Each structure stands twice: as C-alpha cells, then as structure tokens.
C-alpha cells in the first residue's frame, strides 16, 4: 500500500520536484552513512586523535 501510494505521489509531482526530492534523499543518506562510519571508527578506536598520539 505504501509503495503504491508513493509511486502514485511521484507520478503527480513535476519532474523537477522529483529530481530535488531525489537529491535531498541522497544528501540525507550520505550524511547518515558518514555518521555511521564515524561512530564505527570511534567505537573501534580508529579516530584521528588516537592515530596521531600513537605516531608520537
């Protein structure tokens, strides 16, 4: 039901609006991926501060 209504909604939008919506969703996804990668690095102790301390 959700997929059907989403497709129907996308068909009703202007093509320019659809492009903006896609770019907004891509931007949000990239931001989320960066946050997840950063959290994983911190949890694993791979942040930049610990690397620079280890090198000294």
Protein backbone atom coordinates (compact mmCIF):
# COMPACT_ATOMS: atom_id res chain seq x y z
CA UNK A 1 0.00 0.00 0.00
CA UNK A 2 2.76 2.43 0.91
CA UNK A 3 4.75 1.62 -2.23
CA UNK A 4 1.68 2.12 -4.40
CA UNK A 5 0.83 5.46 -2.84
CA UNK A 6 4.48 6.54 -3.07
CA UNK A 7 4.59 5.70 -6.78
CA UNK A 8 1.30 7.48 -7.32
CA UNK A 9 2.63 10.51 -5.43
CA UNK A 10 5.82 10.52 -7.51
CA UNK A 11 3.79 10.44 -10.72
CA UNK A 12 1.83 13.51 -9.62
CA UNK A 13 4.99 15.55 -9.00
CA UNK A 14 6.66 17.75 -11.54
CA UNK A 15 9.87 16.13 -12.89
CA UNK A 16 11.93 18.98 -11.39
CA UNK A 17 10.35 18.36 -7.99
CA UNK A 18 11.17 14.66 -8.28
CA UNK A 19 14.82 15.49 -9.04
CA UNK A 20 15.03 17.79 -6.00
CA UNK A 21 13.40 15.11 -3.84
CA UNK A 22 15.92 12.51 -5.05
CA UNK A 23 18.87 14.83 -4.38
CA UNK A 24 17.54 15.64 -0.89
CA UNK A 25 17.18 11.93 -0.14
CA UNK A 26 20.69 11.25 -1.47
CA UNK A 27 22.11 14.04 0.67
CA UNK A 28 20.38 12.63 3.76
CA UNK A 29 21.61 9.10 3.00
CA UNK A 30 25.20 10.29 2.56
CA UNK A 31 25.01 12.26 5.81
CA UNK A 32 23.72 9.16 7.63
CA UNK A 33 26.47 6.97 6.13
CA UNK A 34 29.14 9.44 7.28
CA UNK A 35 27.66 9.48 10.78
CA UNK A 36 27.62 5.68 10.91
CA UNK A 37 31.21 5.40 9.62
CA UNK A 38 32.38 7.96 12.18
CA UNK A 39 30.64 6.14 15.02
CA UNK A 40 32.14 2.80 13.93
CA UNK A 41 35.62 4.36 13.82
CA UNK A 42 35.18 5.86 17.29
CA UNK A 43 33.88 2.58 18.71
CA UNK A 44 36.81 0.72 17.15
CA UNK A 45 39.27 3.34 18.44
CA UNK A 46 40.25 4.45 14.95
CA UNK A 47 39.67 8.18 15.36
CA UNK A 48 42.31 10.64 14.13
CA UNK A 49 43.38 11.75 17.62
CA UNK A 50 44.38 8.26 18.68
CA UNK A 51 46.29 7.75 15.43
CA UNK A 52 48.28 10.95 15.91
CA UNK A 53 49.01 10.06 19.55
CA UNK A 54 50.22 6.60 18.52
CA UNK A 55 52.61 8.08 15.96
CA UNK A 56 54.33 10.37 18.50
